[in-house]
């Protein structure tokens, strides 16, 4: 996370739902044990690419809901900050 002094770590996850307001991410349980998104209102950055886009999308998120399943952690998060290019690319993709 570039907004605090904690070292950032990249973890693999899958986006299962996305809108202009937020995202739902599926994180494998074995990866979750290394993460600090254990409670609501945790801030984290996601980086991903959209189909037909070469530049990665960078969005700051705040977790709103965490749900466990046997193999995955489901994280529902709202967007709290984005650079202009990233948000514009997401908006164009969703429209």
PDB file of N, CA and C in Angstrom:
ATOM      1  N   UNK A   1       0.853  -1.178   0.000  1.00  0.00           N
ATOM      2  CA  UNK A   1       0.000   0.000   0.000  1.00  0.00           C
ATOM      3  C   UNK A   1       0.888   1.226   0.000  1.00  0.00           C
ATOM      4  N   UNK A   2       0.753   2.064  -0.985  1.00  0.00           N
ATOM      5  CA  UNK A   2       1.637   3.213  -1.105  1.00  0.00           C
ATOM      6  C   UNK A   2       1.220   4.368  -0.217  1.00  0.00           C
ATOM      7  N   UNK A   3       0.090   4.277   0.476  1.00  0.00           N
ATOM      8  CA  UNK A   3      -0.410   5.376   1.290  1.00  0.00           C
ATOM      9  C   UNK A   3      -0.071   5.250   2.768  1.00  0.00           C
ATOM     10  N   UNK A   4       0.705   4.245   3.138  1.00  0.00           N
ATOM     11  CA  UNK A   4       1.155   4.160   4.518  1.00  0.00           C
ATOM     12  C   UNK A   4       2.545   3.553   4.557  1.00  0.00           C
ATOM     13  N   UNK A   5       3.101   3.358   5.718  1.00  0.00           N
ATOM     14  CA  UNK A   5       4.477   2.903   5.828  1.00  0.00           C
ATOM     15  C   UNK A   5       4.624   1.384   5.764  1.00  0.00           C
ATOM     16  N   UNK A   6       3.541   0.655   5.665  1.00  0.00           N
ATOM     17  CA  UNK A   6       3.603  -0.802   5.581  1.00  0.00           C
ATOM     18  C   UNK A   6       4.063  -1.196   4.181  1.00  0.00           C
ATOM     19  N   UNK A   7       4.998  -2.148   4.113  1.00  0.00           N
ATOM     20  CA  UNK A   7       5.484  -2.600   2.816  1.00  0.00           C
ATOM     21  C   UNK A   7       4.353  -3.253   2.032  1.00  0.00           C
ATOM     22  N   UNK A   8       4.306  -2.940   0.734  1.00  0.00           N
ATOM     23  CA  UNK A   8       3.281  -3.509  -0.132  1.00  0.00           C
ATOM     24  C   UNK A   8       3.695  -4.902  -0.575  1.00  0.00           C
ATOM     25  N   UNK A   9       2.721  -5.784  -0.709  1.00  0.00           N
ATOM     26  CA  UNK A   9       2.945  -7.113  -1.238  1.00  0.00           C
ATOM     27  C   UNK A   9       1.893  -7.367  -2.304  1.00  0.00           C
ATOM     28  N   UNK A  10       2.310  -7.998  -3.377  1.00  0.00           N
ATOM     29  CA  UNK A  10       1.374  -8.343  -4.429  1.00  0.00           C
ATOM     30  C   UNK A  10       0.812  -9.732  -4.159  1.00  0.00           C
ATOM     31  N   UNK A  11      -0.485  -9.861  -4.264  1.00  0.00           N
ATOM     32  CA  UNK A  11      -1.169 -11.130  -4.073  1.00  0.00           C
ATOM     33  C   UNK A  11      -2.114 -11.349  -5.240  1.00  0.00           C
ATOM     34  N   UNK A  12      -2.244 -12.583  -5.642  1.00  0.00           N
ATOM     35  CA  UNK A  12      -3.156 -12.914  -6.727  1.00  0.00           C
ATOM     36  C   UNK A  12      -4.570 -13.062  -6.194  1.00  0.00           C
ATOM     37  N   UNK A  13      -5.515 -12.551  -6.952  1.00  0.00           N
ATOM     38  CA  UNK A  13      -6.929 -12.688  -6.643  1.00  0.00           C
ATOM     39  C   UNK A  13      -7.704 -12.569  -7.933  1.00  0.00           C
ATOM     40  N   UNK A  14      -8.985 -12.827  -7.867  1.00  0.00           N
ATOM     41  CA  UNK A  14      -9.839 -12.720  -9.042  1.00  0.00           C
ATOM     42  C   UNK A  14     -10.945 -11.719  -8.776  1.00  0.00           C
ATOM     43  N   UNK A  15     -11.173 -10.827  -9.728  1.00  0.00           N
ATOM     44  CA  UNK A  15     -12.288  -9.895  -9.636  1.00  0.00           C
ATOM     45  C   UNK A  15     -13.532 -10.626 -10.120  1.00  0.00           C
ATOM     46  N   UNK A  16     -14.534 -10.736  -9.257  1.00  0.00           N
ATOM     47  CA  UNK A  16     -15.754 -11.439  -9.632  1.00  0.00           C
ATOM     48  C   UNK A  16     -16.879 -10.482 -10.003  1.00  0.00           C
ATOM     49  N   UNK A  17     -16.768  -9.219  -9.592  1.00  0.00           N
ATOM     50  CA  UNK A  17     -17.779  -8.210  -9.916  1.00  0.00           C
ATOM     51  C   UNK A  17     -17.108  -6.847  -9.817  1.00  0.00           C
ATOM     52  N   UNK A  18     -17.464  -5.955 -10.754  1.00  0.00           N
ATOM     53  CA  UNK A  18     -16.877  -4.619 -10.726  1.00  0.00           C
ATOM     54  C   UNK A  18     -17.892  -3.612 -11.232  1.00  0.00           C
ATOM     55  N   UNK A  19     -17.884  -2.431 -10.629  1.00  0.00           N
ATOM     56  CA  UNK A  19     -18.735  -1.327 -11.059  1.00  0.00           C
ATOM     57  C   UNK A  19     -17.931  -0.049 -10.904  1.00  0.00           C
ATOM     58  N   UNK A  20     -18.539   1.090 -11.179  1.00  0.00           N
ATOM     59  CA  UNK A  20     -17.850   2.360 -10.994  1.00  0.00           C
ATOM     60  C   UNK A  20     -17.668   2.692  -9.511  1.00  0.00           C
ATOM     61  N   UNK A  21     -18.415   2.026  -8.653  1.00  0.00           N
ATOM     62  CA  UNK A  21     -18.339   2.300  -7.214  1.00  0.00           C
ATOM     63  C   UNK A  21     -17.438   1.356  -6.443  1.00  0.00           C
ATOM     64  N   UNK A  22     -17.265   0.135  -6.953  1.00  0.00           N
ATOM     65  CA  UNK A  22     -16.495  -0.816  -6.175  1.00  0.00           C
ATOM     66  C   UNK A  22     -16.275  -2.132  -6.879  1.00  0.00           C
ATOM     67  N   UNK A  23     -15.776  -3.081  -6.101  1.00  0.00           N
ATOM     68  CA  UNK A  23     -15.326  -4.346  -6.662  1.00  0.00           C
ATOM     69  C   UNK A  23     -15.541  -5.465  -5.648  1.00  0.00           C
ATOM     70  N   UNK A  24     -15.721  -6.674  -6.148  1.00  0.00           N
ATOM     71  CA  UNK A  24     -15.740  -7.869  -5.315  1.00  0.00           C
ATOM     72  C   UNK A  24     -14.561  -8.727  -5.774  1.00  0.00           C
ATOM     73  N   UNK A  25     -13.716  -9.097  -4.829  1.00  0.00           N
ATOM     74  CA  UNK A  25     -12.498  -9.841  -5.140  1.00  0.00           C
ATOM     75  C   UNK A  25     -12.537 -11.184  -4.417  1.00  0.00           C
ATOM     76  N   UNK A  26     -12.126 -12.218  -5.115  1.00  0.00           N
ATOM     77  CA  UNK A  26     -12.038 -13.570  -4.575  1.00  0.00           C
ATOM     78  C   UNK A  26     -10.552 -13.853  -4.337  1.00  0.00           C
ATOM     79  N   UNK A  27     -10.177 -14.092  -3.087  1.00  0.00           N
ATOM     80  CA  UNK A  27      -8.781 -14.315  -2.724  1.00  0.00           C
ATOM     81  C   UNK A  27      -8.635 -15.738  -2.198  1.00  0.00           C
ATOM     82  N   UNK A  28      -7.713 -16.515  -2.775  1.00  0.00           N
ATOM     83  CA  UNK A  28      -7.511 -17.873  -2.261  1.00  0.00           C
ATOM     84  C   UNK A  28      -7.139 -17.836  -0.777  1.00  0.00           C
ATOM     85  N   UNK A  29      -7.681 -18.759  -0.010  1.00  0.00           N
ATOM     86  CA  UNK A  29      -7.473 -18.769   1.443  1.00  0.00           C
ATOM     87  C   UNK A  29      -5.986 -18.843   1.807  1.00  0.00           C
ATOM     88  N   UNK A  30      -5.168 -19.585   1.062  1.00  0.00           N
ATOM     89  CA  UNK A  30      -3.749 -19.689   1.404  1.00  0.00           C
ATOM     90  C   UNK A  30      -3.025 -18.351   1.227  1.00  0.00           C
ATOM     91  N   UNK A  31      -3.469 -17.507   0.318  1.00  0.00           N
ATOM     92  CA  UNK A  31      -2.891 -16.168   0.142  1.00  0.00           C
ATOM     93  C   UNK A  31      -3.380 -15.244   1.249  1.00  0.00           C
ATOM     94  N   UNK A  32      -4.640 -15.388   1.639  1.00  0.00           N
ATOM     95  CA  UNK A  32      -5.238 -14.504   2.645  1.00  0.00           C
ATOM     96  C   UNK A  32      -4.474 -14.525   3.960  1.00  0.00           C
ATOM     97  N   UNK A  33      -3.858 -15.650   4.303  1.00  0.00           N
ATOM     98  CA  UNK A  33      -3.151 -15.735   5.579  1.00  0.00           C
ATOM     99  C   UNK A  33      -1.999 -14.743   5.665  1.00  0.00           C
ATOM    100  N   UNK A  34      -1.511 -14.272   4.508  1.00  0.00           N
ATOM    101  CA  UNK A  34      -0.420 -13.302   4.484  1.00  0.00           C
ATOM    102  C   UNK A  34      -0.929 -11.866   4.383  1.00  0.00           C
ATOM    103  N   UNK A  35      -2.218 -11.675   4.237  1.00  0.00           N
ATOM    104  CA  UNK A  35      -2.772 -10.347   4.015  1.00  0.00           C
ATOM    105  C   UNK A  35      -3.298  -9.737   5.297  1.00  0.00           C
ATOM    106  N   UNK A  36      -3.495  -8.421   5.250  1.00  0.00           N
ATOM    107  CA  UNK A  36      -4.017  -7.720   6.420  1.00  0.00           C
ATOM    108  C   UNK A  36      -5.444  -7.232   6.206  1.00  0.00           C
ATOM    109  N   UNK A  37      -6.132  -7.727   5.181  1.00  0.00           N
ATOM    110  CA  UNK A  37      -7.519  -7.339   4.943  1.00  0.00           C
ATOM    111  C   UNK A  37      -8.410  -8.285   5.733  1.00  0.00           C
ATOM    112  N   UNK A  38      -8.337  -8.174   7.052  1.00  0.00           N
ATOM    113  CA  UNK A  38      -9.070  -9.080   7.923  1.00  0.00           C
ATOM    114  C   UNK A  38     -10.324  -8.457   8.506  1.00  0.00           C
ATOM    115  N   UNK A  39     -10.537  -7.199   8.244  1.00  0.00           N
ATOM    116  CA  UNK A  39     -11.686  -6.527   8.836  1.00  0.00           C
ATOM    117  C   UNK A  39     -12.194  -5.457   7.881  1.00  0.00           C
ATOM    118  N   UNK A  40     -13.402  -5.015   8.135  1.00  0.00           N
ATOM    119  CA  UNK A  40     -13.952  -3.945   7.321  1.00  0.00           C
ATOM    120  C   UNK A  40     -13.119  -2.680   7.490  1.00  0.00           C
ATOM    121  N   UNK A  41     -13.157  -1.855   6.477  1.00  0.00           N
ATOM    122  CA  UNK A  41     -12.486  -0.552   6.464  1.00  0.00           C
ATOM    123  C   UNK A  41     -10.966  -0.640   6.376  1.00  0.00           C
ATOM    124  N   UNK A  42     -10.430  -1.721   5.811  1.00  0.00           N
ATOM    125  CA  UNK A  42      -9.004  -1.807   5.524  1.00  0.00           C
ATOM    126  C   UNK A  42      -8.775  -1.230   4.132  1.00  0.00           C
ATOM    127  N   UNK A  43      -7.754  -0.403   3.970  1.00  0.00           N
ATOM    128  CA  UNK A  43      -7.433   0.159   2.665  1.00  0.00           C
ATOM    129  C   UNK A  43      -6.376  -0.688   1.974  1.00  0.00           C
ATOM    130  N   UNK A  44      -6.542  -0.861   0.663  1.00  0.00           N
ATOM    131  CA  UNK A  44      -5.575  -1.612  -0.128  1.00  0.00           C
ATOM    132  C   UNK A  44      -5.682  -1.164  -1.576  1.00  0.00           C
ATOM    133  N   UNK A  45      -4.653  -1.442  -2.348  1.00  0.00           N
ATOM    134  CA  UNK A  45      -4.632  -1.077  -3.762  1.00  0.00           C
ATOM    135  C   UNK A  45      -4.802  -2.329  -4.602  1.00  0.00           C
ATOM    136  N   UNK A  46      -5.584  -2.206  -5.671  1.00  0.00           N
ATOM    137  CA  UNK A  46      -5.676  -3.298  -6.634  1.00  0.00           C
ATOM    138  C   UNK A  46      -5.082  -2.814  -7.955  1.00  0.00           C
ATOM    139  N   UNK A  47      -4.441  -3.731  -8.650  1.00  0.00           N
ATOM    140  CA  UNK A  47      -3.856  -3.447  -9.952  1.00  0.00           C
ATOM    141  C   UNK A  47      -4.310  -4.565 -10.881  1.00  0.00           C
ATOM    142  N   UNK A  48      -4.897  -4.182 -12.018  1.00  0.00           N
ATOM    143  CA  UNK A  48      -5.382  -5.175 -12.971  1.00  0.00           C
ATOM    144  C   UNK A  48      -5.411  -4.555 -14.365  1.00  0.00           C
ATOM    145  N   UNK A  49      -5.613  -5.373 -15.365  1.00  0.00           N
ATOM    146  CA  UNK A  49      -5.763  -4.869 -16.728  1.00  0.00           C
ATOM    147  C   UNK A  49      -7.154  -5.206 -17.230  1.00  0.00           C
ATOM    148  N   UNK A  50      -7.652  -4.345 -18.081  1.00  0.00           N
ATOM    149  CA  UNK A  50      -8.937  -4.558 -18.735  1.00  0.00           C
ATOM    150  C   UNK A  50      -8.695  -5.136 -20.119  1.00  0.00           C
ATOM    151  N   UNK A  51      -9.664  -5.869 -20.663  1.00  0.00           N
ATOM    152  CA  UNK A  51      -9.506  -6.368 -22.032  1.00  0.00           C
ATOM    153  C   UNK A  51      -9.241  -5.199 -22.988  1.00  0.00           C
ATOM    154  N   UNK A  52      -8.316  -5.401 -23.893  1.00  0.00           N
ATOM    155  CA  UNK A  52      -7.945  -4.410 -24.915  1.00  0.00           C
ATOM    156  C   UNK A  52      -7.288  -3.156 -24.349  1.00  0.00           C
ATOM    157  N   UNK A  53      -6.856  -3.180 -23.104  1.00  0.00           N
ATOM    158  CA  UNK A  53      -6.122  -2.058 -22.495  1.00  0.00           C
ATOM    159  C   UNK A  53      -4.701  -2.511 -22.216  1.00  0.00           C
ATOM    160  N   UNK A  54      -3.735  -1.689 -22.564  1.00  0.00           N
ATOM    161  CA  UNK A  54      -2.338  -2.050 -22.311  1.00  0.00           C
ATOM    162  C   UNK A  54      -1.856  -1.556 -20.957  1.00  0.00           C
ATOM    163  N   UNK A  55      -2.343  -0.395 -20.523  1.00  0.00           N
ATOM    164  CA  UNK A  55      -1.910   0.158 -19.248  1.00  0.00           C
ATOM    165  C   UNK A  55      -2.680  -0.478 -18.095  1.00  0.00           C
ATOM    166  N   UNK A  56      -1.992  -0.822 -17.020  1.00  0.00           N
ATOM    167  CA  UNK A  56      -2.696  -1.388 -15.867  1.00  0.00           C
ATOM    168  C   UNK A  56      -3.558  -0.330 -15.167  1.00  0.00           C
ATOM    169  N   UNK A  57      -4.616  -0.788 -14.551  1.00  0.00           N
ATOM    170  CA  UNK A  57      -5.527   0.053 -13.782  1.00  0.00           C
ATOM    171  C   UNK A  57      -5.098  -0.018 -12.312  1.00  0.00           C
ATOM    172  N   UNK A  58      -4.959   1.147 -11.679  1.00  0.00           N
ATOM    173  CA  UNK A  58      -4.591   1.228 -10.264  1.00  0.00           C
ATOM    174  C   UNK A  58      -5.746   1.894  -9.514  1.00  0.00           C
ATOM    175  N   UNK A  59      -6.316   1.207  -8.541  1.00  0.00           N
ATOM    176  CA  UNK A  59      -7.422   1.767  -7.766  1.00  0.00           C
ATOM    177  C   UNK A  59      -7.206   1.499  -6.278  1.00  0.00           C
ATOM    178  N   UNK A  60      -7.383   2.518  -5.468  1.00  0.00           N
ATOM    179  CA  UNK A  60      -7.348   2.349  -4.021  1.00  0.00           C
ATOM    180  C   UNK A  60      -8.750   1.955  -3.562  1.00  0.00           C
ATOM    181  N   UNK A  61      -8.813   0.979  -2.683  1.00  0.00           N
ATOM    182  CA  UNK A  61     -10.091   0.449  -2.213  1.00  0.00           C
ATOM    183  C   UNK A  61     -10.147   0.472  -0.692  1.00  0.00           C
ATOM    184  N   UNK A  62     -11.379   0.439  -0.196  1.00  0.00           N
ATOM    185  CA  UNK A  62     -11.621   0.276   1.232  1.00  0.00           C
ATOM    186  C   UNK A  62     -12.568  -0.903   1.384  1.00  0.00           C
ATOM    187  N   UNK A  63     -12.131  -1.921   2.122  1.00  0.00           N
ATOM    188  CA  UNK A  63     -12.981  -3.101   2.284  1.00  0.00           C
ATOM    189  C   UNK A  63     -14.252  -2.724   3.037  1.00  0.00           C
ATOM    190  N   UNK A  64     -15.369  -3.247   2.564  1.00  0.00           N
ATOM    191  CA  UNK A  64     -16.677  -2.991   3.170  1.00  0.00           C
ATOM    192  C   UNK A  64     -17.281  -4.250   3.771  1.00  0.00           C
ATOM    193  N   UNK A  65     -16.944  -5.396   3.166  1.00  0.00           N
ATOM    194  CA  UNK A  65     -17.523  -6.661   3.634  1.00  0.00           C
ATOM    195  C   UNK A  65     -16.548  -7.788   3.335  1.00  0.00           C
ATOM    196  N   UNK A  66     -16.318  -8.635   4.326  1.00  0.00           N
ATOM    197  CA  UNK A  66     -15.453  -9.796   4.182  1.00  0.00           C
ATOM    198  C   UNK A  66     -16.297 -11.031   4.475  1.00  0.00           C
ATOM    199  N   UNK A  67     -16.253 -12.015   3.581  1.00  0.00           N
ATOM    200  CA  UNK A  67     -16.996 -13.257   3.785  1.00  0.00           C
ATOM    201  C   UNK A  67     -16.068 -14.442   3.510  1.00  0.00           C
ATOM    202  N   UNK A  68     -16.153 -15.436   4.349  1.00  0.00           N
ATOM    203  CA  UNK A  68     -15.321 -16.630   4.204  1.00  0.00           C
ATOM    204  C   UNK A  68     -16.083 -17.740   3.507  1.00  0.00           C
ATOM    205  N   UNK A  69     -15.355 -18.518   2.728  1.00  0.00           N
ATOM    206  CA  UNK A  69     -15.859 -19.796   2.245  1.00  0.00           C
ATOM    207  C   UNK A  69     -14.738 -20.806   2.461  1.00  0.00           C
ATOM    208  N   UNK A  70     -14.941 -22.044   2.096  1.00  0.00           N
ATOM    209  CA  UNK A  70     -13.959 -23.078   2.396  1.00  0.00           C
ATOM    210  C   UNK A  70     -12.595 -22.798   1.765  1.00  0.00           C
ATOM    211  N   UNK A  71     -12.583 -22.334   0.510  1.00  0.00           N
ATOM    212  CA  UNK A  71     -11.320 -22.148  -0.203  1.00  0.00           C
ATOM    213  C   UNK A  71     -10.951 -20.692  -0.443  1.00  0.00           C
ATOM    214  N   UNK A  72     -11.905 -19.778  -0.262  1.00  0.00           N
ATOM    215  CA  UNK A  72     -11.680 -18.388  -0.634  1.00  0.00           C
ATOM    216  C   UNK A  72     -12.169 -17.401   0.423  1.00  0.00           C
ATOM    217  N   UNK A  73     -11.617 -16.200   0.357  1.00  0.00           N
ATOM    218  CA  UNK A  73     -12.117 -15.052   1.094  1.00  0.00           C
ATOM    219  C   UNK A  73     -12.733 -14.126   0.059  1.00  0.00           C
ATOM    220  N   UNK A  74     -13.951 -13.689   0.280  1.00  0.00           N
ATOM    221  CA  UNK A  74     -14.636 -12.756  -0.621  1.00  0.00           C
ATOM    222  C   UNK A  74     -14.529 -11.374   0.016  1.00  0.00           C
ATOM    223  N   UNK A  75     -13.956 -10.423  -0.719  1.00  0.00           N
ATOM    224  CA  UNK A  75     -13.803  -9.069  -0.210  1.00  0.00           C
ATOM    225  C   UNK A  75     -14.606  -8.132  -1.093  1.00  0.00           C
ATOM    226  N   UNK A  76     -15.596  -7.476  -0.499  1.00  0.00           N
ATOM    227  CA  UNK A  76     -16.345  -6.429  -1.179  1.00  0.00           C
ATOM    228  C   UNK A  76     -15.754  -5.094  -0.775  1.00  0.00           C
ATOM    229  N   UNK A  77     -15.380  -4.280  -1.750  1.00  0.00           N
ATOM    230  CA  UNK A  77     -14.693  -3.025  -1.429  1.00  0.00           C
ATOM    231  C   UNK A  77     -15.211  -1.895  -2.305  1.00  0.00           C
ATOM    232  N   UNK A  78     -15.175  -0.698  -1.740  1.00  0.00           N
ATOM    233  CA  UNK A  78     -15.531   0.493  -2.509  1.00  0.00           C
ATOM    234  C   UNK A  78     -14.249   1.190  -2.939  1.00  0.00           C
ATOM    235  N   UNK A  79     -14.326   1.914  -4.061  1.00  0.00           N
ATOM    236  CA  UNK A  79     -13.175   2.678  -4.531  1.00  0.00           C
ATOM    237  C   UNK A  79     -13.085   3.970  -3.742  1.00  0.00           C
ATOM    238  N   UNK A  80     -11.893   4.289  -3.266  1.00  0.00           N
ATOM    239  CA  UNK A  80     -11.704   5.519  -2.507  1.00  0.00           C
ATOM    240  C   UNK A  80     -10.774   6.494  -3.218  1.00  0.00           C
ATOM    241  N   UNK A  81      -9.994   6.007  -4.184  1.00  0.00           N
ATOM    242  CA  UNK A  81      -9.094   6.887  -4.907  1.00  0.00           C
ATOM    243  C   UNK A  81      -8.652   6.185  -6.180  1.00  0.00           C
ATOM    244  N   UNK A  82      -8.484   6.957  -7.240  1.00  0.00           N
ATOM    245  CA  UNK A  82      -8.000   6.412  -8.504  1.00  0.00           C
ATOM    246  C   UNK A  82      -7.360   7.535  -9.292  1.00  0.00           C
ATOM    247  N   UNK A  83      -6.315   7.174 -10.047  1.00  0.00           N
ATOM    248  CA  UNK A  83      -5.783   8.197 -10.928  1.00  0.00           C
ATOM    249  C   UNK A  83      -6.765   8.385 -12.083  1.00  0.00           C
ATOM    250  N   UNK A  84      -6.689   9.523 -12.736  1.00  0.00           N
ATOM    251  CA  UNK A  84      -7.671   9.887 -13.764  1.00  0.00           C
ATOM    252  C   UNK A  84      -7.729   8.841 -14.870  1.00  0.00           C
ATOM    253  N   UNK A  85      -6.577   8.409 -15.386  1.00  0.00           N
ATOM    254  CA  UNK A  85      -6.556   7.439 -16.477  1.00  0.00           C
ATOM    255  C   UNK A  85      -7.248   6.141 -16.080  1.00  0.00           C
ATOM    256  N   UNK A  86      -6.945   5.649 -14.884  1.00  0.00           N
ATOM    257  CA  UNK A  86      -7.526   4.384 -14.438  1.00  0.00           C
ATOM    258  C   UNK A  86      -9.041   4.470 -14.336  1.00  0.00           C
ATOM    259  N   UNK A  87      -9.540   5.528 -13.721  1.00  0.00           N
ATOM    260  CA  UNK A  87     -10.988   5.644 -13.557  1.00  0.00           C
ATOM    261  C   UNK A  87     -11.673   5.854 -14.906  1.00  0.00           C
ATOM    262  N   UNK A  88     -11.061   6.647 -15.784  1.00  0.00           N
ATOM    263  CA  UNK A  88     -11.640   6.887 -17.118  1.00  0.00           C
ATOM    264  C   UNK A  88     -11.676   5.587 -17.921  1.00  0.00           C
ATOM    265  N   UNK A  89     -10.609   4.798 -17.859  1.00  0.00           N
ATOM    266  CA  UNK A  89     -10.577   3.519 -18.575  1.00  0.00           C
ATOM    267  C   UNK A  89     -11.640   2.568 -18.037  1.00  0.00           C
ATOM    268  N   UNK A  90     -11.810   2.530 -16.722  1.00  0.00           N
ATOM    269  CA  UNK A  90     -12.841   1.681 -16.120  1.00  0.00           C
ATOM    270  C   UNK A  90     -14.226   2.156 -16.554  1.00  0.00           C
ATOM    271  N   UNK A  91     -14.446   3.450 -16.531  1.00  0.00           N
ATOM    272  CA  UNK A  91     -15.733   4.012 -16.941  1.00  0.00           C
ATOM    273  C   UNK A  91     -16.042   3.668 -18.390  1.00  0.00           C
ATOM    274  N   UNK A  92     -15.063   3.794 -19.272  1.00  0.00           N
ATOM    275  CA  UNK A  92     -15.253   3.475 -20.684  1.00  0.00           C
ATOM    276  C   UNK A  92     -15.555   1.990 -20.864  1.00  0.00           C
ATOM    277  N   UNK A  93     -14.849   1.138 -20.136  1.00  0.00           N
ATOM    278  CA  UNK A  93     -15.065  -0.308 -20.225  1.00  0.00           C
ATOM    279  C   UNK A  93     -16.459  -0.700 -19.766  1.00  0.00           C
ATOM    280  N   UNK A  94     -16.967  -0.067 -18.700  1.00  0.00           N
ATOM    281  CA  UNK A  94     -18.266  -0.441 -18.125  1.00  0.00           C
ATOM    282  C   UNK A  94     -19.458   0.148 -18.869  1.00  0.00           C
ATOM    283  N   UNK A  95     -19.227   1.164 -19.666  1.00  0.00           N
ATOM    284  CA  UNK A  95     -20.344   1.810 -20.363  1.00  0.00           C
ATOM    285  C   UNK A  95     -20.734   1.081 -21.619  1.00  0.00           C
TER     286      UNK A  95
END
